[in-house]
Amino acid sequence: MTMQNVKSAEWDHATGVARQVCARVFRDGGAPADALEAFGLAHEDLHGNWRLAVEQIAQALCQRGTPDNRPEVFNLAA
């Protein structure tokens, strides 16, 4: 997924959510890999790089919101 495929408002919202999650994990003594694990993302060794964790979580949130990946419940055309 490239950034051109994501609306600005959607990216801003996803980034905000990712930052909140990372802040909570950090406050509880976790590492960036723990935040990625909370979203079921494969985590590589980020060496304490919270910025990369926020970006990866935001990208995952935007991908989950695309029509092809929505659960059947949200598919109104069906």
PDB file of N, CA and C in Angstrom:
ATOM      1  N   MET A   1       0.837  -1.168   0.000  1.00  0.00           N
ATOM      2  CA  MET A   1       0.000   0.000   0.000  1.00  0.00           C
ATOM      3  C   MET A   1       0.887   1.238   0.000  1.00  0.00           C
ATOM      4  N   THR A   2       0.637   2.111  -0.923  1.00  0.00           N
ATOM      5  CA  THR A   2       1.407   3.346  -0.977  1.00  0.00           C
ATOM      6  C   THR A   2       0.597   4.472  -0.356  1.00  0.00           C
ATOM      7  N   MET A   3       1.263   5.521   0.003  1.00  0.00           N
ATOM      8  CA  MET A   3       0.586   6.643   0.646  1.00  0.00           C
ATOM      9  C   MET A   3      -0.375   7.337  -0.304  1.00  0.00           C
ATOM     10  N   GLN A   4      -0.201   7.194  -1.622  1.00  0.00           N
ATOM     11  CA  GLN A   4      -1.117   7.814  -2.562  1.00  0.00           C
ATOM     12  C   GLN A   4      -2.503   7.186  -2.494  1.00  0.00           C
ATOM     13  N   ASN A   5      -2.604   5.966  -1.990  1.00  0.00           N
ATOM     14  CA  ASN A   5      -3.878   5.266  -1.932  1.00  0.00           C
ATOM     15  C   ASN A   5      -4.667   5.571  -0.669  1.00  0.00           C
ATOM     16  N   VAL A   6      -4.138   6.395   0.210  1.00  0.00           N
ATOM     17  CA  VAL A   6      -4.772   6.666   1.484  1.00  0.00           C
ATOM     18  C   VAL A   6      -5.187   8.127   1.539  1.00  0.00           C
ATOM     19  N   LYS A   7      -6.420   8.370   1.960  1.00  0.00           N
ATOM     20  CA  LYS A   7      -6.892   9.739   2.117  1.00  0.00           C
ATOM     21  C   LYS A   7      -6.167  10.398   3.280  1.00  0.00           C
ATOM     22  N   SER A   8      -5.976  11.689   3.167  1.00  0.00           N
ATOM     23  CA  SER A   8      -5.258  12.438   4.196  1.00  0.00           C
ATOM     24  C   SER A   8      -5.937  12.314   5.562  1.00  0.00           C
ATOM     25  N   ALA A   9      -7.241  12.440   5.607  1.00  0.00           N
ATOM     26  CA  ALA A   9      -7.967  12.353   6.879  1.00  0.00           C
ATOM     27  C   ALA A   9      -7.859  10.957   7.474  1.00  0.00           C
ATOM     28  N   GLU A  10      -7.918   9.947   6.618  1.00  0.00           N
ATOM     29  CA  GLU A  10      -7.801   8.564   7.092  1.00  0.00           C
ATOM     30  C   GLU A  10      -6.406   8.327   7.684  1.00  0.00           C
ATOM     31  N   TRP A  11      -5.362   8.833   7.017  1.00  0.00           N
ATOM     32  CA  TRP A  11      -3.999   8.662   7.503  1.00  0.00           C
ATOM     33  C   TRP A  11      -3.813   9.396   8.832  1.00  0.00           C
ATOM     34  N   ASP A  12      -4.344  10.609   8.930  1.00  0.00           N
ATOM     35  CA  ASP A  12      -4.228  11.371  10.174  1.00  0.00           C
ATOM     36  C   ASP A  12      -4.901  10.647  11.330  1.00  0.00           C
ATOM     37  N   HIS A  13      -6.070  10.090  11.076  1.00  0.00           N
ATOM     38  CA  HIS A  13      -6.790   9.359  12.124  1.00  0.00           C
ATOM     39  C   HIS A  13      -6.035   8.098  12.523  1.00  0.00           C
ATOM     40  N   ALA A  14      -5.573   7.356  11.545  1.00  0.00           N
ATOM     41  CA  ALA A  14      -4.828   6.122  11.836  1.00  0.00           C
ATOM     42  C   ALA A  14      -3.542   6.419  12.598  1.00  0.00           C
ATOM     43  N   THR A  15      -2.870   7.501  12.233  1.00  0.00           N
ATOM     44  CA  THR A  15      -1.649   7.888  12.936  1.00  0.00           C
ATOM     45  C   THR A  15      -1.954   8.278  14.373  1.00  0.00           C
ATOM     46  N   GLY A  16      -3.051   8.981  14.580  1.00  0.00           N
ATOM     47  CA  GLY A  16      -3.443   9.357  15.935  1.00  0.00           C
ATOM     48  C   GLY A  16      -3.735   8.152  16.811  1.00  0.00           C
ATOM     49  N   VAL A  17      -4.462   7.194  16.255  1.00  0.00           N
ATOM     50  CA  VAL A  17      -4.758   5.969  17.001  1.00  0.00           C
ATOM     51  C   VAL A  17      -3.471   5.210  17.309  1.00  0.00           C
ATOM     52  N   ALA A  18      -2.595   5.105  16.319  1.00  0.00           N
ATOM     53  CA  ALA A  18      -1.325   4.396  16.513  1.00  0.00           C
ATOM     54  C   ALA A  18      -0.477   5.076  17.590  1.00  0.00           C
ATOM     55  N   ARG A  19      -0.471   6.402  17.598  1.00  0.00           N
ATOM     56  CA  ARG A  19       0.291   7.126  18.625  1.00  0.00           C
ATOM     57  C   ARG A  19      -0.270   6.871  20.017  1.00  0.00           C
ATOM     58  N   GLN A  20      -1.595   6.857  20.126  1.00  0.00           N
ATOM     59  CA  GLN A  20      -2.214   6.591  21.428  1.00  0.00           C
ATOM     60  C   GLN A  20      -1.864   5.198  21.927  1.00  0.00           C
ATOM     61  N   VAL A  21      -1.919   4.224  21.045  1.00  0.00           N
ATOM     62  CA  VAL A  21      -1.588   2.855  21.437  1.00  0.00           C
ATOM     63  C   VAL A  21      -0.128   2.757  21.847  1.00  0.00           C
ATOM     64  N   CYS A  22       0.751   3.362  21.052  1.00  0.00           N
ATOM     65  CA  CYS A  22       2.180   3.315  21.381  1.00  0.00           C
ATOM     66  C   CYS A  22       2.468   4.033  22.696  1.00  0.00           C
ATOM     67  N   ALA A  23       1.773   5.133  22.956  1.00  0.00           N
ATOM     68  CA  ALA A  23       1.971   5.852  24.218  1.00  0.00           C
ATOM     69  C   ALA A  23       1.559   4.987  25.402  1.00  0.00           C
ATOM     70  N   ARG A  24       0.464   4.271  25.254  1.00  0.00           N
ATOM     71  CA  ARG A  24       0.010   3.395  26.339  1.00  0.00           C
ATOM     72  C   ARG A  24       0.988   2.248  26.568  1.00  0.00           C
ATOM     73  N   VAL A  25       1.480   1.656  25.483  1.00  0.00           N
ATOM     74  CA  VAL A  25       2.457   0.571  25.609  1.00  0.00           C
ATOM     75  C   VAL A  25       3.737   1.096  26.256  1.00  0.00           C
ATOM     76  N   PHE A  26       4.196   2.281  25.832  1.00  0.00           N
ATOM     77  CA  PHE A  26       5.403   2.881  26.396  1.00  0.00           C
ATOM     78  C   PHE A  26       5.217   3.162  27.888  1.00  0.00           C
ATOM     79  N   ARG A  27       4.057   3.711  28.247  1.00  0.00           N
ATOM     80  CA  ARG A  27       3.772   4.028  29.646  1.00  0.00           C
ATOM     81  C   ARG A  27       3.796   2.777  30.518  1.00  0.00           C
ATOM     82  N   ASP A  28       3.361   1.663  29.946  1.00  0.00           N
ATOM     83  CA  ASP A  28       3.334   0.405  30.691  1.00  0.00           C
ATOM     84  C   ASP A  28       4.671  -0.328  30.646  1.00  0.00           C
ATOM     85  N   GLY A  29       5.695   0.295  30.085  1.00  0.00           N
ATOM     86  CA  GLY A  29       7.036  -0.284  30.086  1.00  0.00           C
ATOM     87  C   GLY A  29       7.338  -1.178  28.904  1.00  0.00           C
ATOM     88  N   GLY A  30       6.504  -1.123  27.870  1.00  0.00           N
ATOM     89  CA  GLY A  30       6.710  -1.974  26.702  1.00  0.00           C
ATOM     90  C   GLY A  30       7.656  -1.361  25.693  1.00  0.00           C
ATOM     91  N   ALA A  31       7.924  -2.129  24.672  1.00  0.00           N
ATOM     92  CA  ALA A  31       8.809  -1.725  23.584  1.00  0.00           C
ATOM     93  C   ALA A  31       7.992  -1.577  22.303  1.00  0.00           C
ATOM     94  N   PRO A  32       8.559  -0.953  21.279  1.00  0.00           N
ATOM     95  CA  PRO A  32       7.839  -0.831  20.007  1.00  0.00           C
ATOM     96  C   PRO A  32       7.352  -2.181  19.462  1.00  0.00           C
ATOM     97  N   ALA A  33       8.135  -3.226  19.654  1.00  0.00           N
ATOM     98  CA  ALA A  33       7.728  -4.553  19.188  1.00  0.00           C
ATOM     99  C   ALA A  33       6.460  -5.019  19.897  1.00  0.00           C
ATOM    100  N   ASP A  34       6.276  -4.627  21.158  1.00  0.00           N
ATOM    101  CA  ASP A  34       5.068  -4.993  21.894  1.00  0.00           C
ATOM    102  C   ASP A  34       3.841  -4.304  21.301  1.00  0.00           C
ATOM    103  N   ALA A  35       4.004  -3.060  20.880  1.00  0.00           N
ATOM    104  CA  ALA A  35       2.892  -2.342  20.255  1.00  0.00           C
ATOM    105  C   ALA A  35       2.497  -3.002  18.934  1.00  0.00           C
ATOM    106  N   LEU A  36       3.487  -3.407  18.149  1.00  0.00           N
ATOM    107  CA  LEU A  36       3.184  -4.092  16.890  1.00  0.00           C
ATOM    108  C   LEU A  36       2.490  -5.423  17.151  1.00  0.00           C
ATOM    109  N   GLU A  37       2.936  -6.113  18.172  1.00  0.00           N
ATOM    110  CA  GLU A  37       2.340  -7.405  18.516  1.00  0.00           C
ATOM    111  C   GLU A  37       0.877  -7.250  18.927  1.00  0.00           C
ATOM    112  N   ALA A  38       0.545  -6.135  19.556  1.00  0.00           N
ATOM    113  CA  ALA A  38      -0.841  -5.887  19.970  1.00  0.00           C
ATOM    114  C   ALA A  38      -1.782  -5.819  18.765  1.00  0.00           C
ATOM    115  N   PHE A  39      -1.255  -5.445  17.612  1.00  0.00           N
ATOM    116  CA  PHE A  39      -2.054  -5.378  16.392  1.00  0.00           C
ATOM    117  C   PHE A  39      -1.883  -6.621  15.525  1.00  0.00           C
ATOM    118  N   GLY A  40      -1.164  -7.605  16.032  1.00  0.00           N
ATOM    119  CA  GLY A  40      -0.959  -8.829  15.276  1.00  0.00           C
ATOM    120  C   GLY A  40      -0.008  -8.656  14.114  1.00  0.00           C
ATOM    121  N   LEU A  41       0.851  -7.663  14.197  1.00  0.00           N
ATOM    122  CA  LEU A  41       1.814  -7.422  13.121  1.00  0.00           C
ATOM    123  C   LEU A  41       3.118  -8.124  13.426  1.00  0.00           C
ATOM    124  N   ALA A  42       3.736  -8.609  12.372  1.00  0.00           N
ATOM    125  CA  ALA A  42       5.056  -9.214  12.541  1.00  0.00           C
ATOM    126  C   ALA A  42       6.014  -8.105  12.943  1.00  0.00           C
ATOM    127  N   HIS A  43       6.732  -8.341  13.983  1.00  0.00           N
ATOM    128  CA  HIS A  43       7.645  -7.300  14.448  1.00  0.00           C
ATOM    129  C   HIS A  43       9.082  -7.724  14.232  1.00  0.00           C
ATOM    130  N   GLU A  44       9.780  -6.806  13.638  1.00  0.00           N
ATOM    131  CA  GLU A  44      11.212  -7.004  13.513  1.00  0.00           C
ATOM    132  C   GLU A  44      11.864  -6.191  14.621  1.00  0.00           C
ATOM    133  N   ASP A  45      13.131  -6.326  14.749  1.00  0.00           N
ATOM    134  CA  ASP A  45      13.842  -5.601  15.794  1.00  0.00           C
ATOM    135  C   ASP A  45      13.885  -4.122  15.404  1.00  0.00           C
ATOM    136  N   LEU A  46      13.103  -3.305  16.081  1.00  0.00           N
ATOM    137  CA  LEU A  46      13.012  -1.888  15.747  1.00  0.00           C
ATOM    138  C   LEU A  46      14.027  -1.042  16.510  1.00  0.00           C
ATOM    139  N   HIS A  47      14.776  -1.641  17.412  1.00  0.00           N
ATOM    140  CA  HIS A  47      15.789  -0.937  18.207  1.00  0.00           C
ATOM    141  C   HIS A  47      15.206   0.283  18.914  1.00  0.00           C
ATOM    142  N   GLY A  48      14.018   0.136  19.462  1.00  0.00           N
ATOM    143  CA  GLY A  48      13.411   1.224  20.216  1.00  0.00           C
ATOM    144  C   GLY A  48      12.909   2.368  19.365  1.00  0.00           C
ATOM    145  N   ASN A  49      12.658   2.137  18.079  1.00  0.00           N
ATOM    146  CA  ASN A  49      12.216   3.193  17.184  1.00  0.00           C
ATOM    147  C   ASN A  49      10.691   3.264  17.180  1.00  0.00           C
ATOM    148  N   TRP A  50      10.176   4.148  18.001  1.00  0.00           N
ATOM    149  CA  TRP A  50       8.722   4.289  18.119  1.00  0.00           C
ATOM    150  C   TRP A  50       8.101   4.886  16.858  1.00  0.00           C
ATOM    151  N   ARG A  51       8.835   5.737  16.152  1.00  0.00           N
ATOM    152  CA  ARG A  51       8.304   6.347  14.932  1.00  0.00           C
ATOM    153  C   ARG A  51       7.962   5.275  13.892  1.00  0.00           C
ATOM    154  N   LEU A  52       8.856   4.295  13.738  1.00  0.00           N
ATOM    155  CA  LEU A  52       8.579   3.211  12.789  1.00  0.00           C
ATOM    156  C   LEU A  52       7.388   2.369  13.240  1.00  0.00           C
ATOM    157  N   ALA A  53       7.273   2.152  14.534  1.00  0.00           N
ATOM    158  CA  ALA A  53       6.138   1.386  15.051  1.00  0.00           C
ATOM    159  C   ALA A  53       4.830   2.112  14.759  1.00  0.00           C
ATOM    160  N   VAL A  54       4.802   3.421  14.976  1.00  0.00           N
ATOM    161  CA  VAL A  54       3.598   4.218  14.701  1.00  0.00           C
ATOM    162  C   VAL A  54       3.237   4.130  13.225  1.00  0.00           C
ATOM    163  N   GLU A  55       4.223   4.272  12.349  1.00  0.00           N
ATOM    164  CA  GLU A  55       3.964   4.221  10.905  1.00  0.00           C
ATOM    165  C   GLU A  55       3.440   2.857  10.476  1.00  0.00           C
ATOM    166  N   GLN A  56       4.029   1.778  10.993  1.00  0.00           N
ATOM    167  CA  GLN A  56       3.590   0.437  10.605  1.00  0.00           C
ATOM    168  C   GLN A  56       2.173   0.163  11.099  1.00  0.00           C
ATOM    169  N   ILE A  57       1.857   0.595  12.305  1.00  0.00           N
ATOM    170  CA  ILE A  57       0.508   0.396  12.834  1.00  0.00           C
ATOM    171  C   ILE A  57      -0.497   1.214  12.025  1.00  0.00           C
ATOM    172  N   ALA A  58      -0.156   2.462  11.710  1.00  0.00           N
ATOM    173  CA  ALA A  58      -1.053   3.312  10.916  1.00  0.00           C
ATOM    174  C   ALA A  58      -1.294   2.703   9.539  1.00  0.00           C
ATOM    175  N   GLN A  59      -0.249   2.190   8.914  1.00  0.00           N
ATOM    176  CA  GLN A  59      -0.419   1.543   7.610  1.00  0.00           C
ATOM    177  C   GLN A  59      -1.339   0.335   7.725  1.00  0.00           C
ATOM    178  N   ALA A  60      -1.180  -0.440   8.777  1.00  0.00           N
ATOM    179  CA  ALA A  60      -2.032  -1.617   8.962  1.00  0.00           C
ATOM    180  C   ALA A  60      -3.483  -1.201   9.172  1.00  0.00           C
ATOM    181  N   LEU A  61      -3.707  -0.137   9.924  1.00  0.00           N
ATOM    182  CA  LEU A  61      -5.074   0.341  10.137  1.00  0.00           C
ATOM    183  C   LEU A  61      -5.701   0.822   8.836  1.00  0.00           C
ATOM    184  N   CYS A  62      -4.928   1.497   8.011  1.00  0.00           N
ATOM    185  CA  CYS A  62      -5.456   1.960   6.726  1.00  0.00           C
ATOM    186  C   CYS A  62      -5.751   0.790   5.794  1.00  0.00           C
ATOM    187  N   GLN A  63      -4.922  -0.231   5.807  1.00  0.00           N
ATOM    188  CA  GLN A  63      -5.158  -1.400   4.969  1.00  0.00           C
ATOM    189  C   GLN A  63      -6.412  -2.140   5.409  1.00  0.00           C
ATOM    190  N   ARG A  64      -6.623  -2.220   6.705  1.00  0.00           N
ATOM    191  CA  ARG A  64      -7.805  -2.915   7.217  1.00  0.00           C
ATOM    192  C   ARG A  64      -9.078  -2.188   6.856  1.00  0.00           C
ATOM    193  N   GLY A  65      -8.975  -0.908   6.546  1.00  0.00           N
ATOM    194  CA  GLY A  65     -10.155  -0.121   6.218  1.00  0.00           C
ATOM    195  C   GLY A  65     -10.507  -0.129   4.744  1.00  0.00           C
ATOM    196  N   THR A  66      -9.695  -0.754   3.911  1.00  0.00           N
ATOM    197  CA  THR A  66     -10.001  -0.766   2.489  1.00  0.00           C
ATOM    198  C   THR A  66     -11.171  -1.716   2.228  1.00  0.00           C
ATOM    199  N   PRO A  67     -11.983  -1.410   1.230  1.00  0.00           N
ATOM    200  CA  PRO A  67     -13.178  -2.231   0.971  1.00  0.00           C
ATOM    201  C   PRO A  67     -12.886  -3.711   0.761  1.00  0.00           C
ATOM    202  N   ASP A  68     -11.740  -4.051   0.194  1.00  0.00           N
ATOM    203  CA  ASP A  68     -11.433  -5.456  -0.061  1.00  0.00           C
ATOM    204  C   ASP A  68     -11.187  -6.234   1.229  1.00  0.00           C
ATOM    205  N   ASN A  69     -10.799  -5.542   2.289  1.00  0.00           N
ATOM    206  CA  ASN A  69     -10.443  -6.213   3.534  1.00  0.00           C
ATOM    207  C   ASN A  69     -11.505  -6.093   4.622  1.00  0.00           C
ATOM    208  N   ARG A  70     -12.616  -5.438   4.339  1.00  0.00           N
ATOM    209  CA  ARG A  70     -13.645  -5.271   5.362  1.00  0.00           C
ATOM    210  C   ARG A  70     -14.378  -6.578   5.599  1.00  0.00           C
ATOM    211  N   PRO A  71     -14.812  -6.791   6.837  1.00  0.00           N
ATOM    212  CA  PRO A  71     -15.608  -7.988   7.101  1.00  0.00           C
ATOM    213  C   PRO A  71     -16.916  -7.953   6.316  1.00  0.00           C
ATOM    214  N   GLU A  72     -17.509  -9.090   6.094  1.00  0.00           N
ATOM    215  CA  GLU A  72     -18.734  -9.205   5.313  1.00  0.00           C
ATOM    216  C   GLU A  72     -19.861  -8.354   5.900  1.00  0.00           C
ATOM    217  N   VAL A  73     -19.863  -8.151   7.195  1.00  0.00           N
ATOM    218  CA  VAL A  73     -20.897  -7.363   7.858  1.00  0.00           C
ATOM    219  C   VAL A  73     -20.949  -5.945   7.301  1.00  0.00           C
ATOM    220  N   PHE A  74     -19.786  -5.385   6.918  1.00  0.00           N
ATOM    221  CA  PHE A  74     -19.743  -4.025   6.428  1.00  0.00           C
ATOM    222  C   PHE A  74     -19.920  -3.938   4.916  1.00  0.00           C
ATOM    223  N   ASN A  75     -20.044  -5.041   4.254  1.00  0.00           N
ATOM    224  CA  ASN A  75     -20.175  -5.051   2.821  1.00  0.00           C
ATOM    225  C   ASN A  75     -21.647  -4.889   2.457  1.00  0.00           C
ATOM    226  N   LEU A  76     -22.083  -3.647   2.295  1.00  0.00           N
ATOM    227  CA  LEU A  76     -23.494  -3.363   2.045  1.00  0.00           C
ATOM    228  C   LEU A  76     -23.948  -3.750   0.660  1.00  0.00           C
ATOM    229  N   ALA A  77     -23.020  -3.882  -0.278  1.00  0.00           N
ATOM    230  CA  ALA A  77     -23.381  -4.227  -1.645  1.00  0.00           C
ATOM    231  C   ALA A  77     -23.832  -5.677  -1.767  1.00  0.00           C
ATOM    232  N   ALA A  78     -23.466  -6.518  -0.825  1.00  0.00           N
ATOM    233  CA  ALA A  78     -23.787  -7.946  -0.898  1.00  0.00           C
ATOM    234  C   ALA A  78     -25.228  -8.212  -0.528  1.00  0.00           C
TER     235      ALA A  78
END
